[in-house]
Protein backbone atom coordinates (compact mmCIF):
# COMPACT_ATOMS: atom_id res chain seq x y z
CA MET A 1 2.36 -8.07 19.50
CA GLN A 2 -0.03 -10.25 17.77
CA PRO A 3 -2.68 -11.69 20.55
CA ALA A 4 -1.85 -14.97 21.88
CA SER A 5 -4.89 -16.60 21.54
CA SER A 6 -4.70 -15.33 17.65
CA VAL A 7 -4.56 -17.83 15.17
CA HIS A 8 -6.77 -16.27 11.52
CA PRO A 9 -5.16 -17.21 9.00
CA ASN A 10 -4.91 -13.11 8.02
CA THR A 11 -3.21 -12.77 11.02
CA VAL A 12 0.62 -12.56 11.30
CA ALA A 13 2.00 -15.28 13.07
CA ILE A 14 3.71 -14.78 15.87
CA TYR A 15 6.42 -17.61 16.35
CA ASP A 16 8.16 -16.22 19.62
CA PHE A 17 9.00 -13.13 22.20
CA GLY A 18 10.68 -11.98 24.74
CA ARG A 19 13.65 -9.37 25.73
CA THR A 20 17.53 -9.50 24.90
CA ALA A 21 19.96 -9.04 28.29
CA ASP A 22 19.57 -5.34 27.72
CA ARG A 23 15.87 -5.35 28.14
CA SER A 24 15.25 -4.68 24.97
CA PHE A 25 12.17 -6.67 23.84
CA TYR A 26 11.85 -8.53 20.19
CA TYR A 27 9.88 -11.10 18.60
CA ALA A 28 9.83 -13.59 15.73
CA MET A 29 7.22 -13.32 13.03
CA GLU A 30 5.96 -15.34 9.62
CA PHE A 31 8.30 -13.86 6.50
CA LEU A 32 5.74 -12.33 4.36
CA PRO A 33 6.87 -12.04 0.80
CA GLY A 34 5.23 -9.23 -0.88
CA ILE A 35 4.25 -5.15 -0.37
CA SER A 36 2.82 -2.96 1.96
CA LEU A 37 -0.96 -1.51 1.25
CA ALA A 38 0.74 1.66 0.93
CA LYS A 39 3.42 0.54 -1.09
CA LEU A 40 -0.08 -0.83 -3.06
CA ILE A 41 -1.59 2.37 -3.29
CA GLU A 42 1.33 4.16 -3.90
CA ILE A 43 1.90 2.40 -7.59
CA GLU A 44 -1.98 1.96 -8.50
CA LYS A 45 -2.79 5.79 -7.01
CA HIS A 46 -6.49 3.94 -6.26
CA LEU A 47 -7.46 0.28 -6.46
CA PRO A 48 -10.24 -1.17 -8.51
CA CYS A 49 -13.21 -2.03 -6.71
CA HIS A 50 -13.50 -5.35 -7.24
CA ARG A 51 -9.55 -5.46 -6.16
CA ALA A 52 -9.80 -3.42 -2.65
CA ILE A 53 -13.82 -5.32 -1.66
CA HIS A 54 -11.26 -8.85 -1.88
CA LEU A 55 -8.56 -7.03 0.50
CA LEU A 56 -10.48 -5.25 2.62
CA LEU A 57 -12.64 -8.74 3.35
CA GLN A 58 -9.90 -10.24 4.86
CA PHE A 59 -8.85 -8.00 7.36
CA CYS A 60 -12.08 -7.46 8.21
CA ALA A 61 -11.67 -11.05 8.74
CA SER A 62 -8.52 -10.81 10.75
CA LEU A 63 -10.27 -7.54 12.98
CA LYS A 64 -13.31 -9.80 13.27
CA GLU A 65 -11.38 -12.71 14.86
CA ALA A 66 -9.51 -10.15 17.35
CA HIS A 67 -12.84 -8.72 18.19
CA SER A 68 -14.60 -11.76 19.04
CA LEU A 69 -11.32 -12.12 21.65
CA GLY A 70 -12.38 -8.83 23.47
CA LEU A 71 -9.62 -7.21 21.27
CA ILE A 72 -9.07 -3.70 19.85
CA HIS A 73 -6.28 -3.02 17.45
CA ARG A 74 -6.06 0.75 17.59
CA ASP A 75 -3.42 1.27 14.64
CA ILE A 76 -5.06 0.32 11.61
CA LYS A 77 -3.12 1.99 8.59
CA PRO A 78 -1.85 1.04 5.55
CA LEU A 79 1.35 0.38 6.85
CA ASN A 80 -0.09 -2.47 9.03
CA ILE A 81 -1.45 -4.40 6.13
CA MET A 82 0.54 -6.76 4.02
CA VAL A 83 -0.74 -8.36 1.02
CA CYS A 84 1.44 -10.75 -0.28
CA ARG A 85 1.69 -14.05 -2.19
CA ILE A 86 2.26 -17.03 -0.36
CA GLY A 87 1.86 -21.06 -0.83
CA GLY A 88 0.61 -19.89 -4.64
CA GLU A 89 -1.79 -17.73 -3.44
CA TYR A 90 -1.65 -13.99 -4.78
CA ASP A 91 -3.13 -11.15 -2.81
CA VAL A 92 -3.34 -12.63 1.02
CA VAL A 93 -3.84 -9.70 3.15
CA LYS A 94 -1.83 -10.24 6.74
CA VAL A 95 -2.45 -7.59 9.48
CA VAL A 96 0.59 -6.86 10.95
CA ASP A 97 1.38 -5.10 13.99
CA PHE A 98 -0.59 -5.90 16.95
CA GLY A 99 1.59 -4.01 19.68
CA LEU A 100 -1.03 -1.49 20.14
CA VAL A 101 -4.11 -4.27 20.71
CA LYS A 102 -5.82 -4.07 24.26
CA SER A 103 -8.13 -5.70 25.80
CA ILE A 104 -11.05 -3.36 26.07
CA LYS A 105 -11.99 -4.98 29.67
CA ASN A 106 -8.22 -4.69 30.64
CA LEU A 107 -7.71 -1.37 29.52
CA LEU A 108 -7.04 0.41 33.24
CA PRO A 109 -7.31 4.02 33.96
CA SER A 110 -3.58 4.79 34.77
CA GLU A 111 -3.52 3.92 30.99
CA THR A 112 -5.31 6.71 29.35
CA LEU A 113 -2.82 9.63 30.25
CA ASP A 114 -1.58 7.38 27.21
CA LEU A 115 -4.36 8.02 24.88
CA LEU A 116 -4.76 11.36 25.55
CA PRO A 117 -4.50 13.95 22.51
CA ASN A 118 -1.45 15.07 23.32
CA ALA A 119 0.13 11.90 23.69
CA LEU A 120 -1.43 9.89 20.81
CA ARG A 121 -1.22 6.38 19.99
CA GLY A 122 -1.51 4.72 17.04
CA THR A 123 -1.94 7.21 13.87
CA PRO A 124 -3.88 10.08 13.73
CA ALA A 125 -5.16 10.13 10.72
CA TYR A 126 -6.75 6.63 11.00
CA ILE A 127 -8.50 7.42 14.90
CA ALA A 128 -11.59 7.74 15.65
CA PRO A 129 -12.95 11.05 16.42
CA GLU A 130 -14.43 9.44 19.61
CA LEU A 131 -11.50 8.20 20.92
CA LEU A 132 -9.69 11.74 20.59
CA ALA A 133 -12.28 13.06 23.34
CA GLN A 134 -12.68 9.21 24.84
CA PRO A 135 -9.73 7.17 25.27
CA LEU A 136 -11.71 4.51 27.44
CA ALA A 137 -14.31 4.43 24.50
CA ALA A 138 -12.42 2.40 22.91
CA ASN A 139 -14.83 -0.77 20.80
CA ALA A 140 -15.44 -2.74 17.29
CA ARG A 141 -16.85 0.89 15.81
CA SER A 142 -13.60 2.38 17.11
CA ASP A 143 -12.13 -0.04 14.83
CA ILE A 144 -14.64 -0.14 12.37
CA TYR A 145 -13.91 3.86 11.94
CA SER A 146 -10.50 3.41 11.01
CA VAL A 147 -11.02 0.75 8.47
CA GLY A 148 -13.52 3.35 6.59
CA VAL A 149 -10.82 6.01 6.53
CA LEU A 150 -8.42 3.11 5.34
CA ALA A 151 -11.29 1.83 2.77
CA TYR A 152 -11.55 5.55 1.49
CA LYS A 153 -7.80 5.78 0.69
CA MET A 154 -8.11 2.86 -1.34
CA PHE A 155 -10.89 3.82 -3.24
CA SER A 156 -10.13 7.38 -4.08
CA GLY A 157 -6.29 7.25 -3.27
CA ARG A 158 -6.70 10.34 -1.04
CA ASN A 159 -6.42 10.65 2.54
CA LEU A 160 -9.80 11.37 4.47
CA PHE A 161 -8.46 14.90 5.51
CA GLU A 162 -5.57 16.54 3.69
CA VAL A 163 -4.10 18.79 6.37
CA SER A 164 -0.38 20.41 6.77
CA SER A 165 -0.54 20.24 10.63
CA GLU A 166 -1.38 17.50 13.32
CA ALA A 167 -3.55 20.21 15.37
CA GLY A 168 -5.67 20.38 11.71
CA LEU A 169 -6.18 17.17 11.54
CA LEU A 170 -7.50 16.73 14.84
CA TYR A 171 -9.41 19.57 13.93
CA ASP A 172 -10.75 17.64 11.32
CA ILE A 173 -11.79 14.31 12.48
CA LEU A 174 -13.56 15.89 15.57
CA TYR A 175 -15.84 18.44 13.66
CA THR A 176 -15.63 18.33 9.42
CA ASN A 177 -17.20 16.18 7.53
CA PRO A 178 -15.17 15.08 4.37
CA CYS A 179 -15.75 14.98 0.55
CA ASP A 180 -17.70 12.68 -0.25
CA LEU A 181 -16.57 9.29 -2.01
CA ALA A 182 -19.19 9.46 -4.16
CA GLN A 183 -17.93 12.74 -5.69
CA LEU A 184 -13.84 11.48 -6.03
CA ARG A 185 -14.86 7.95 -7.56
CA PRO A 186 -18.39 8.71 -9.03
CA ASP A 187 -17.95 4.93 -10.82
CA LEU A 188 -18.10 3.27 -7.27
CA PRO A 189 -21.71 1.00 -7.20
CA ASP A 190 -23.78 3.94 -4.56
CA SER A 191 -24.23 0.98 -1.89
CA LEU A 192 -20.76 0.61 -1.38
CA VAL A 193 -19.92 4.80 -1.00
CA LYS A 194 -22.95 4.98 1.47
CA LEU A 195 -20.99 2.00 3.25
CA VAL A 196 -17.82 3.60 3.71
CA MET A 197 -19.01 6.91 4.08
CA ARG A 198 -21.22 5.02 7.16
CA CYS A 199 -17.77 3.54 8.79
CA ILE A 200 -16.10 7.40 8.89
CA HIS A 201 -19.16 8.75 10.56
CA LYS A 202 -18.52 10.65 13.64
CA ASN A 203 -21.31 8.96 15.74
CA PRO A 204 -20.08 5.33 16.38
CA GLN A 205 -23.79 4.29 16.57
CA ILE A 206 -24.31 5.07 12.38
CA ARG A 207 -21.38 3.13 11.51
CA PRO A 208 -21.81 -0.49 11.26
CA ALA A 209 -22.69 -2.64 14.27
CA GLY A 210 -19.36 -4.77 13.83
CA MET A 211 -16.78 -6.46 11.28
CA ASP A 212 -19.08 -9.11 10.61
CA VAL A 213 -21.84 -6.98 9.69
CA LEU A 214 -19.49 -4.66 7.45
CA GLY A 215 -17.87 -7.87 5.99
CA LEU A 216 -21.26 -9.16 4.99
CA GLU A 217 -22.17 -5.94 3.65
CA LEU A 218 -19.13 -5.86 1.62
CA ALA A 219 -19.52 -8.91 0.13
CA ALA A 220 -23.07 -7.76 -0.89
CA VAL A 221 -22.32 -4.98 -2.67
CA GLU A 222 -23.76 -5.44 -6.02
CA HIS A 223 -23.09 -5.57 -9.83
CA ARG A 224 -19.12 -6.08 -8.74
CA PRO A 225 -16.95 -8.66 -10.44
CA ALA A 226 -15.08 -10.30 -8.42
CA TRP A 227 -11.08 -10.23 -8.12
CA CYS A 228 -10.03 -13.78 -8.80
CA GLN A 229 -6.22 -15.14 -8.32
CA ALA A 230 -6.36 -14.75 -12.26
CA ASP A 231 -6.29 -11.32 -12.44
CA ALA A 232 -3.84 -11.51 -8.89
CA LYS A 233 -1.30 -13.76 -10.91
CA GLN A 234 -1.19 -11.75 -13.95
CA TRP A 235 -0.54 -8.25 -11.33
CA TRP A 236 2.08 -10.20 -9.10
CA GLY A 237 3.72 -11.54 -12.79
CA LEU A 238 4.66 -7.94 -13.96
CA ARG A 239 5.76 -6.92 -10.83
CA ASP A 240 8.46 -9.95 -9.59
CA GLU A 241 11.13 -7.06 -8.06
CA LEU A 242 8.60 -6.43 -5.40
CA LEU A 243 9.16 -10.05 -3.86
CA LEU A 244 13.42 -9.32 -4.14
CA PRO A 245 14.67 -8.75 -0.63
CA ALA A 246 15.89 -4.75 -0.77
CA GLU A 247 19.48 -4.47 -1.59
């Protein structure tokens, strides 16, 4: 569920929530005409540098507000990022599924049992290594790791680790260094590659200190053409069927 105090335009709006007569939980959210980032990556394989940065800056802004409220998302992944056409604007990002959001200050010791590796919360491929060993270590830098893994997939079209079992994945998250993004996308600016690799560093102290810092460094990537509304409009104009309701 979306934090009640969140008002950022890149965070999905929740209008109401509660429980039905049979105690099933429900919530009503804004309608989002668009596709998930997972679908976009499926279509494009890997995103052009300037478009990926345009999208990354928006969900960094959403998470920056959440972090300023003392909240972490804990389930950042392509399926929880929507890329929309809203109000005549194209490639508008909406961060959704705040169901695992938790206040760092209110994370109780009794809840750590639900965060241990044998009962993982969130999506394993995007979980920061320190959370596997110390669930109470969740902070802004653990969300930054997840954003880094997301960025790696956006730029390369590949998962950070390609393994066939969850046990192998958890081992790689804890102990294996991923393939350098520069080898997969030698065309990317060096500063961008280094930034993404810092975000996914196993040592949280090596990562950017906060979403504000990450956003500033992304915006400062040298020699990048801007992804403008004309580019986005042209892309969406060729794919109007993506906005039609499913049959």
